[in-house]
Amino acid sequence: MRFKRWPRVEAYMETARTRAAVVLSQRRQRDKLPLLAALIAAEQPSVNEVIGERHRSWPKWQQQKRDQRAELWREARRRLAAYPLITRHAIRWLWDDAPYPGDPSYLSDFLLQIERGRVDPFCRAPWRPSDEEIAEGRRRLAIFSLTLQQPVAAPDPGPCPPPASERAPKIRSLGLVTAGDGG
């Protein structure tokens, strides 16, 4: 079954940017309430204390996320195991072919789509074109390639309108142009 591995638990990476972010965050907290800035500054931990707390809590947080993700995988696999064998194989084949990331939330949603009848594991995958769509695409590609091989003739503009000197007598005869207008 296709899945994307979650990275291993690593130590917190302290950088100059993280230290600057702590300083900026604390300054913004003080700037929100300028009248209480001195009181807020007295209660704020130092940058080293904040970074130290992150060093302590980071591995725990990462492990919690790994555990949550593993539980999501177990739940999705339990749901998959509830299907009959043939259906389960069809679903796994579709999942391995699916364009979705190998993530437990995507697998859970995929199973939900099957349960609701939006995806049929025994029919054509919804992300794959049908034979008719493939034939239509090939037909359009053939037409397009033929147009590239043949020079395209400029469209015939039709008869050109008569020059303005020939149109002027008609306009004068209708009385739309006065003698001083020229033409």
Foldseek 3Di string as FASTA:
>chain_A
DDADDDDDQDFDDDDPVLLVVLVVVLVVVLVVPVVCNVVSVVPDDHSVVVVVVCRVCRSVVSVVVVVVQVVLQVVLVVLLVVDPPVLSVLLVVLVVVDPDHRGSVVSVVSSVCVVVPVAPSVDDGPVDDDPVVVVVVVVVVVVVVVPVVDDDDDDDPPDDDDDPVVCVVVCVVVVNDDPVPDD
